[in-house]
Amino acid sequence: MVFDMFSDPEARLFYPQMDNSQNCRRWIQWNQDNYATHGFGLWVIEDLDSGDFLGDCGLTYQDVDGHRLMELGYHLRVTYRGDGLATEAARTAIDFGFEHLGSHLVCSIVHPANQASIRLAKRIHTLNRTFVDATGEQRLLFWSENDSG
């Protein structure tokens, strides 16, 4: 299921390392490690009627310029993109970070060519700036701040 989520040409453009089952297993283990270490991570998105796996969405920690930030991540299988599901899941994850994890900030790190993720990030966040990630690549950094406390 995870391999299928990353197997279409658009997903491969932004996640080229997810091209084999071994890397997908490592990614699953990374998610499980996040739950073991932090108590949270990416959630499975499933169709409640059929039980079909649609994708994932949730929160993880990511490094931005030497600072550990809570990041919103999401991935959908190609047939479920573009219908608002990612926006709904993303807003739910941000609210969870603010209300249940006590985070004051939730960010999204986006590849500058990923137009779909940029559109989503602009709907739910404010563009803060660009930065260079650990691999030396430029990324866009969007974020939302918890203004209720």
N, C-alpha and C. Protein backbone atom coordinates (compact mmCIF):
# COMPACT_ATOMS: atom_id res chain seq x y z
N MET A 1 0.81 -1.18 0.00
CA MET A 1 0.00 0.00 0.00
C MET A 1 0.86 1.27 0.00
N VAL A 2 1.88 1.28 0.83
CA VAL A 2 2.76 2.46 0.89
C VAL A 2 3.49 2.61 -0.44
N PHE A 3 3.99 1.52 -0.98
CA PHE A 3 4.68 1.59 -2.26
C PHE A 3 3.75 2.15 -3.33
N ASP A 4 2.50 1.71 -3.33
CA ASP A 4 1.51 2.20 -4.29
C ASP A 4 1.31 3.71 -4.14
N MET A 5 1.30 4.19 -2.91
CA MET A 5 1.09 5.61 -2.65
C MET A 5 2.19 6.47 -3.27
N PHE A 6 3.39 5.94 -3.31
CA PHE A 6 4.54 6.68 -3.84
C PHE A 6 4.92 6.28 -5.26
N SER A 7 4.12 5.46 -5.93
CA SER A 7 4.57 4.88 -7.19
C SER A 7 4.20 5.65 -8.45
N ASP A 8 3.28 6.60 -8.37
CA ASP A 8 2.91 7.33 -9.59
C ASP A 8 3.99 8.37 -9.92
N PRO A 9 4.05 8.83 -11.15
CA PRO A 9 5.12 9.75 -11.57
C PRO A 9 5.21 11.03 -10.75
N GLU A 10 4.08 11.61 -10.33
CA GLU A 10 4.14 12.85 -9.54
C GLU A 10 4.75 12.59 -8.17
N ALA A 11 4.32 11.53 -7.50
CA ALA A 11 4.89 11.20 -6.19
C ALA A 11 6.37 10.87 -6.33
N ARG A 12 6.76 10.15 -7.37
CA ARG A 12 8.16 9.80 -7.58
C ARG A 12 9.04 11.03 -7.80
N LEU A 13 8.45 12.07 -8.38
CA LEU A 13 9.20 13.30 -8.58
C LEU A 13 9.68 13.87 -7.26
N PHE A 14 8.84 13.80 -6.22
CA PHE A 14 9.16 14.40 -4.93
C PHE A 14 9.66 13.40 -3.90
N TYR A 15 9.48 12.12 -4.15
CA TYR A 15 9.94 11.06 -3.25
C TYR A 15 10.64 9.97 -4.06
N PRO A 16 11.72 10.30 -4.75
CA PRO A 16 12.37 9.30 -5.61
C PRO A 16 12.96 8.13 -4.83
N GLN A 17 13.25 8.33 -3.56
CA GLN A 17 13.84 7.26 -2.76
C GLN A 17 12.83 6.16 -2.44
N MET A 18 11.54 6.40 -2.65
CA MET A 18 10.52 5.42 -2.32
C MET A 18 10.24 4.51 -3.52
N ASP A 19 11.30 4.06 -4.15
CA ASP A 19 11.18 3.29 -5.39
C ASP A 19 11.30 1.79 -5.21
N ASN A 20 11.40 1.33 -3.95
CA ASN A 20 11.47 -0.11 -3.72
C ASN A 20 10.90 -0.45 -2.36
N SER A 21 10.57 -1.72 -2.18
CA SER A 21 9.90 -2.14 -0.94
C SER A 21 10.79 -1.98 0.29
N GLN A 22 12.09 -2.12 0.14
CA GLN A 22 12.99 -1.97 1.28
C GLN A 22 12.93 -0.53 1.82
N ASN A 23 12.95 0.46 0.95
CA ASN A 23 12.86 1.84 1.40
C ASN A 23 11.49 2.14 1.99
N CYS A 24 10.46 1.53 1.45
CA CYS A 24 9.12 1.70 2.02
C CYS A 24 9.06 1.10 3.42
N ARG A 25 9.68 -0.05 3.63
CA ARG A 25 9.72 -0.65 4.97
C ARG A 25 10.48 0.24 5.95
N ARG A 26 11.58 0.86 5.49
CA ARG A 26 12.33 1.79 6.34
C ARG A 26 11.46 2.98 6.74
N TRP A 27 10.68 3.48 5.78
CA TRP A 27 9.80 4.61 6.04
C TRP A 27 8.72 4.22 7.06
N ILE A 28 8.17 3.03 6.93
CA ILE A 28 7.18 2.54 7.90
C ILE A 28 7.82 2.43 9.28
N GLN A 29 9.04 1.91 9.34
CA GLN A 29 9.75 1.79 10.62
C GLN A 29 10.01 3.17 11.23
N TRP A 30 10.37 4.15 10.39
CA TRP A 30 10.57 5.52 10.87
C TRP A 30 9.29 6.05 11.51
N ASN A 31 8.15 5.77 10.88
CA ASN A 31 6.86 6.18 11.44
C ASN A 31 6.59 5.49 12.78
N GLN A 32 6.85 4.21 12.85
CA GLN A 32 6.66 3.48 14.10
C GLN A 32 7.59 4.01 15.19
N ASP A 33 8.81 4.34 14.81
CA ASP A 33 9.77 4.91 15.77
C ASP A 33 9.29 6.26 16.30
N ASN A 34 8.65 7.06 15.43
CA ASN A 34 8.10 8.34 15.89
C ASN A 34 7.06 8.12 16.98
N TYR A 35 6.18 7.13 16.78
CA TYR A 35 5.18 6.84 17.81
C TYR A 35 5.84 6.36 19.10
N ALA A 36 6.85 5.51 18.98
CA ALA A 36 7.52 4.98 20.17
C ALA A 36 8.27 6.09 20.92
N THR A 37 8.86 7.01 20.19
CA THR A 37 9.67 8.07 20.80
C THR A 37 8.84 9.25 21.25
N HIS A 38 7.92 9.71 20.41
CA HIS A 38 7.20 10.96 20.68
C HIS A 38 5.73 10.76 21.04
N GLY A 39 5.19 9.58 20.75
CA GLY A 39 3.78 9.33 21.03
C GLY A 39 2.84 9.77 19.93
N PHE A 40 3.39 10.19 18.80
CA PHE A 40 2.56 10.61 17.67
C PHE A 40 3.36 10.43 16.40
N GLY A 41 2.66 10.56 15.27
CA GLY A 41 3.29 10.42 13.96
C GLY A 41 2.23 10.55 12.88
N LEU A 42 2.46 9.92 11.77
CA LEU A 42 1.52 9.97 10.66
C LEU A 42 0.38 8.98 10.90
N TRP A 43 -0.84 9.42 10.60
CA TRP A 43 -2.02 8.58 10.72
C TRP A 43 -2.35 7.97 9.37
N VAL A 44 -2.95 6.80 9.39
CA VAL A 44 -3.49 6.21 8.17
C VAL A 44 -4.80 6.92 7.84
N ILE A 45 -4.98 7.25 6.58
CA ILE A 45 -6.27 7.76 6.10
C ILE A 45 -6.93 6.60 5.37
N GLU A 46 -8.13 6.24 5.81
CA GLU A 46 -8.82 5.13 5.18
C GLU A 46 -10.26 5.50 4.89
N ASP A 47 -10.82 4.84 3.92
CA ASP A 47 -12.23 4.98 3.60
C ASP A 47 -13.00 4.20 4.66
N LEU A 48 -13.86 4.87 5.40
CA LEU A 48 -14.56 4.22 6.50
C LEU A 48 -15.55 3.16 6.04
N ASP A 49 -16.05 3.29 4.83
CA ASP A 49 -16.99 2.29 4.32
C ASP A 49 -16.29 1.03 3.84
N SER A 50 -15.23 1.20 3.05
CA SER A 50 -14.56 0.05 2.44
C SER A 50 -13.32 -0.41 3.21
N GLY A 51 -12.76 0.48 4.04
CA GLY A 51 -11.50 0.16 4.71
C GLY A 51 -10.28 0.35 3.83
N ASP A 52 -10.49 0.87 2.62
CA ASP A 52 -9.37 1.07 1.69
C ASP A 52 -8.38 2.10 2.24
N PHE A 53 -7.11 1.84 2.03
CA PHE A 53 -6.04 2.76 2.38
C PHE A 53 -6.00 3.89 1.36
N LEU A 54 -6.17 5.12 1.81
CA LEU A 54 -6.17 6.27 0.92
C LEU A 54 -4.86 7.05 0.97
N GLY A 55 -4.19 7.01 2.12
CA GLY A 55 -2.94 7.74 2.29
C GLY A 55 -2.61 7.90 3.75
N ASP A 56 -1.87 8.96 4.06
CA ASP A 56 -1.51 9.24 5.45
C ASP A 56 -1.46 10.74 5.67
N CYS A 57 -1.53 11.13 6.92
CA CYS A 57 -1.40 12.53 7.31
C CYS A 57 -1.09 12.55 8.79
N GLY A 58 -0.26 13.48 9.21
CA GLY A 58 0.02 13.60 10.63
C GLY A 58 1.20 14.49 10.88
N LEU A 59 1.73 14.37 12.07
CA LEU A 59 2.79 15.26 12.55
C LEU A 59 4.05 14.48 12.88
N THR A 60 5.18 15.03 12.51
CA THR A 60 6.49 14.50 12.85
C THR A 60 7.40 15.67 13.16
N TYR A 61 8.53 15.39 13.75
CA TYR A 61 9.53 16.44 13.95
C TYR A 61 10.49 16.44 12.77
N GLN A 62 10.84 17.63 12.30
CA GLN A 62 11.80 17.80 11.23
C GLN A 62 12.78 18.90 11.62
N ASP A 63 13.99 18.81 11.10
CA ASP A 63 15.01 19.81 11.37
C ASP A 63 14.92 20.92 10.32
N VAL A 64 14.85 22.16 10.80
CA VAL A 64 14.87 23.34 9.93
C VAL A 64 15.92 24.28 10.50
N ASP A 65 17.03 24.40 9.80
CA ASP A 65 18.11 25.29 10.22
C ASP A 65 18.55 25.04 11.66
N GLY A 66 18.64 23.76 12.03
CA GLY A 66 19.10 23.40 13.36
C GLY A 66 18.05 23.46 14.45
N HIS A 67 16.81 23.73 14.08
CA HIS A 67 15.71 23.77 15.03
C HIS A 67 14.74 22.63 14.74
N ARG A 68 14.31 21.97 15.80
CA ARG A 68 13.34 20.89 15.65
C ARG A 68 11.94 21.49 15.62
N LEU A 69 11.27 21.35 14.47
CA LEU A 69 9.92 21.88 14.30
C LEU A 69 8.93 20.75 14.08
N MET A 70 7.72 20.95 14.58
CA MET A 70 6.65 19.99 14.32
C MET A 70 6.16 20.25 12.90
N GLU A 71 6.22 19.20 12.08
CA GLU A 71 5.82 19.34 10.68
C GLU A 71 4.60 18.50 10.37
N LEU A 72 3.72 19.10 9.59
CA LEU A 72 2.58 18.41 9.03
C LEU A 72 3.03 17.69 7.77
N GLY A 73 2.76 16.40 7.69
CA GLY A 73 3.07 15.64 6.48
C GLY A 73 1.82 14.94 5.99
N TYR A 74 1.72 14.75 4.69
CA TYR A 74 0.58 14.05 4.12
C TYR A 74 0.98 13.48 2.77
N HIS A 75 0.39 12.37 2.45
CA HIS A 75 0.58 11.70 1.16
C HIS A 75 -0.73 10.99 0.83
N LEU A 76 -1.17 11.10 -0.40
CA LEU A 76 -2.38 10.41 -0.83
C LEU A 76 -2.09 9.58 -2.07
N ARG A 77 -2.77 8.46 -2.17
CA ARG A 77 -2.71 7.68 -3.40
C ARG A 77 -3.28 8.55 -4.52
N VAL A 78 -2.78 8.38 -5.72
CA VAL A 78 -3.09 9.28 -6.82
C VAL A 78 -4.59 9.42 -7.07
N THR A 79 -5.35 8.37 -6.92
CA THR A 79 -6.79 8.43 -7.22
C THR A 79 -7.58 9.24 -6.19
N TYR A 80 -6.95 9.62 -5.07
CA TYR A 80 -7.65 10.36 -4.02
C TYR A 80 -7.15 11.80 -3.89
N ARG A 81 -6.31 12.23 -4.80
CA ARG A 81 -5.79 13.60 -4.75
C ARG A 81 -6.77 14.57 -5.42
N GLY A 82 -6.79 15.79 -4.93
CA GLY A 82 -7.55 16.84 -5.58
C GLY A 82 -9.01 16.95 -5.18
N ASP A 83 -9.44 16.19 -4.15
CA ASP A 83 -10.85 16.26 -3.76
C ASP A 83 -11.06 16.87 -2.38
N GLY A 84 -10.02 17.50 -1.83
CA GLY A 84 -10.14 18.16 -0.53
C GLY A 84 -9.80 17.29 0.66
N LEU A 85 -9.52 16.02 0.44
CA LEU A 85 -9.21 15.11 1.53
C LEU A 85 -7.95 15.53 2.27
N ALA A 86 -6.91 15.92 1.54
CA ALA A 86 -5.66 16.34 2.18
C ALA A 86 -5.86 17.60 3.02
N THR A 87 -6.66 18.54 2.54
CA THR A 87 -6.92 19.76 3.29
C THR A 87 -7.63 19.45 4.60
N GLU A 88 -8.64 18.61 4.52
CA GLU A 88 -9.38 18.23 5.73
C GLU A 88 -8.46 17.51 6.73
N ALA A 89 -7.69 16.57 6.25
CA ALA A 89 -6.78 15.84 7.13
C ALA A 89 -5.71 16.76 7.71
N ALA A 90 -5.20 17.66 6.90
CA ALA A 90 -4.16 18.59 7.36
C ALA A 90 -4.68 19.50 8.46
N ARG A 91 -5.86 20.03 8.28
CA ARG A 91 -6.44 20.91 9.32
C ARG A 91 -6.66 20.13 10.62
N THR A 92 -7.10 18.89 10.49
CA THR A 92 -7.30 18.05 11.67
C THR A 92 -5.97 17.81 12.39
N ALA A 93 -4.92 17.53 11.64
CA ALA A 93 -3.61 17.28 12.25
C ALA A 93 -3.07 18.54 12.93
N ILE A 94 -3.23 19.69 12.30
CA ILE A 94 -2.77 20.94 12.92
C ILE A 94 -3.52 21.18 14.23
N ASP A 95 -4.84 21.03 14.20
CA ASP A 95 -5.63 21.20 15.42
C ASP A 95 -5.17 20.23 16.50
N PHE A 96 -4.88 19.00 16.12
CA PHE A 96 -4.40 18.01 17.08
C PHE A 96 -3.08 18.47 17.71
N GLY A 97 -2.18 18.98 16.88
CA GLY A 97 -0.90 19.47 17.40
C GLY A 97 -1.07 20.59 18.40
N PHE A 98 -1.98 21.50 18.12
CA PHE A 98 -2.22 22.62 19.02
C PHE A 98 -2.94 22.18 20.29
N GLU A 99 -4.01 21.41 20.12
CA GLU A 99 -4.88 21.09 21.25
C GLU A 99 -4.37 19.96 22.13
N HIS A 100 -3.74 18.95 21.53
CA HIS A 100 -3.37 17.76 22.31
C HIS A 100 -1.87 17.62 22.54
N LEU A 101 -1.07 18.25 21.70
CA LEU A 101 0.39 18.16 21.88
C LEU A 101 0.99 19.44 22.42
N GLY A 102 0.18 20.48 22.53
CA GLY A 102 0.65 21.74 23.09
C GLY A 102 1.64 22.49 22.22
N SER A 103 1.63 22.19 20.94
CA SER A 103 2.57 22.87 20.04
C SER A 103 2.12 24.30 19.81
N HIS A 104 3.06 25.20 19.71
CA HIS A 104 2.72 26.59 19.39
C HIS A 104 2.87 26.86 17.89
N LEU A 105 3.49 25.91 17.17
CA LEU A 105 3.73 26.10 15.75
C LEU A 105 3.70 24.75 15.05
N VAL A 106 3.06 24.68 13.88
CA VAL A 106 3.10 23.51 13.02
C VAL A 106 3.47 24.01 11.63
N CYS A 107 4.48 23.39 11.03
CA CYS A 107 4.96 23.84 9.73
C CYS A 107 4.74 22.79 8.66
N SER A 108 4.91 23.22 7.43
CA SER A 108 4.97 22.32 6.28
C SER A 108 6.21 22.68 5.48
N ILE A 109 6.97 21.68 5.11
CA ILE A 109 8.17 21.84 4.29
C ILE A 109 7.82 21.34 2.90
N VAL A 110 7.95 22.21 1.89
CA VAL A 110 7.45 21.88 0.56
C VAL A 110 8.53 22.10 -0.49
N HIS A 111 8.66 21.13 -1.38
CA HIS A 111 9.54 21.27 -2.54
C HIS A 111 9.00 22.39 -3.41
N PRO A 112 9.85 23.31 -3.89
CA PRO A 112 9.37 24.46 -4.66
C PRO A 112 8.64 24.11 -5.95
N ALA A 113 8.79 22.90 -6.47
CA ALA A 113 8.09 22.50 -7.69
C ALA A 113 6.79 21.76 -7.42
N ASN A 114 6.49 21.48 -6.16
CA ASN A 114 5.30 20.71 -5.82
C ASN A 114 4.10 21.66 -5.71
N GLN A 115 3.50 21.97 -6.85
CA GLN A 115 2.43 22.95 -6.91
C GLN A 115 1.20 22.55 -6.10
N ALA A 116 0.85 21.29 -6.09
CA ALA A 116 -0.32 20.85 -5.32
C ALA A 116 -0.10 21.08 -3.83
N SER A 117 1.09 20.75 -3.33
CA SER A 117 1.37 20.96 -1.91
C SER A 117 1.49 22.44 -1.58
N ILE A 118 1.98 23.24 -2.50
CA ILE A 118 2.05 24.68 -2.28
C ILE A 118 0.64 25.25 -2.15
N ARG A 119 -0.27 24.83 -3.04
CA ARG A 119 -1.66 25.31 -2.96
C ARG A 119 -2.28 24.94 -1.61
N LEU A 120 -2.06 23.70 -1.19
CA LEU A 120 -2.61 23.27 0.09
C LEU A 120 -1.98 24.06 1.24
N ALA A 121 -0.68 24.20 1.23
CA ALA A 121 0.01 24.93 2.30
C ALA A 121 -0.47 26.37 2.39
N LYS A 122 -0.73 27.00 1.26
CA LYS A 122 -1.23 28.38 1.26
C LYS A 122 -2.64 28.46 1.84
N ARG A 123 -3.44 27.39 1.71
CA ARG A 123 -4.79 27.39 2.28
C ARG A 123 -4.76 27.28 3.80
N ILE A 124 -3.76 26.58 4.34
CA ILE A 124 -3.78 26.29 5.77
C ILE A 124 -2.70 27.00 6.57
N HIS A 125 -1.72 27.59 5.91
CA HIS A 125 -0.58 28.23 6.59
C HIS A 125 -0.32 29.61 5.99
N THR A 126 0.76 30.21 6.51
CA THR A 126 1.34 31.42 5.94
C THR A 126 2.74 31.08 5.47
N LEU A 127 3.13 31.52 4.28
CA LEU A 127 4.50 31.30 3.81
C LEU A 127 5.42 32.13 4.67
N ASN A 128 6.41 31.48 5.25
CA ASN A 128 7.34 32.21 6.07
C ASN A 128 8.59 32.55 5.28
N ARG A 129 9.22 31.52 4.70
CA ARG A 129 10.48 31.77 4.01
C ARG A 129 10.95 30.52 3.28
N THR A 130 12.05 30.65 2.61
CA THR A 130 12.72 29.49 2.03
C THR A 130 13.89 29.13 2.93
N PHE A 131 14.36 27.91 2.80
CA PHE A 131 15.56 27.48 3.52
C PHE A 131 16.18 26.34 2.74
N VAL A 132 17.38 25.98 3.12
CA VAL A 132 18.10 24.87 2.50
C VAL A 132 18.05 23.70 3.48
N ASP A 133 17.54 22.55 3.00
CA ASP A 133 17.40 21.40 3.88
C ASP A 133 18.72 20.66 4.05
N ALA A 134 18.68 19.57 4.80
CA ALA A 134 19.89 18.81 5.11
C ALA A 134 20.56 18.20 3.89
N THR A 135 19.81 18.04 2.80
CA THR A 135 20.39 17.49 1.57
C THR A 135 20.96 18.57 0.66
N GLY A 136 20.84 19.85 1.09
CA GLY A 136 21.34 20.95 0.28
C GLY A 136 20.33 21.51 -0.70
N GLU A 137 19.08 21.04 -0.63
CA GLU A 137 18.03 21.47 -1.54
C GLU A 137 17.22 22.61 -0.92
N GLN A 138 16.81 23.55 -1.77
CA GLN A 138 15.96 24.65 -1.32
C GLN A 138 14.55 24.13 -1.09
N ARG A 139 13.92 24.58 -0.01
CA ARG A 139 12.55 24.20 0.33
C ARG A 139 11.78 25.46 0.74
N LEU A 140 10.46 25.37 0.62
CA LEU A 140 9.58 26.42 1.11
C LEU A 140 9.11 26.02 2.49
N LEU A 141 9.06 26.97 3.39
CA LEU A 141 8.61 26.71 4.76
C LEU A 141 7.34 27.52 5.01
N PHE A 142 6.26 26.82 5.26
CA PHE A 142 4.98 27.43 5.62
C PHE A 142 4.72 27.08 7.08
N TRP A 143 3.95 27.93 7.80
CA TRP A 143 3.59 27.53 9.15
C TRP A 143 2.32 28.18 9.64
N SER A 144 1.77 27.55 10.66
CA SER A 144 0.62 28.07 11.39
C SER A 144 1.04 28.18 12.85
N GLU A 145 0.61 29.26 13.48
CA GLU A 145 0.90 29.45 14.91
C GLU A 145 -0.39 29.34 15.70
N ASN A 146 -0.27 28.77 16.88
CA ASN A 146 -1.41 28.64 17.78
C ASN A 146 -1.62 29.97 18.46
N ASP A 147 -2.68 30.65 18.11
CA ASP A 147 -2.93 31.97 18.69
C ASP A 147 -3.94 31.91 19.83
N SER A 148 -4.24 30.72 20.32
CA SER A 148 -5.24 30.60 21.39
C SER A 148 -4.59 30.40 22.76
N GLY A 149 -3.40 30.87 22.91
CA GLY A 149 -2.83 30.71 24.25
C GLY A 149 -1.46 31.08 24.23
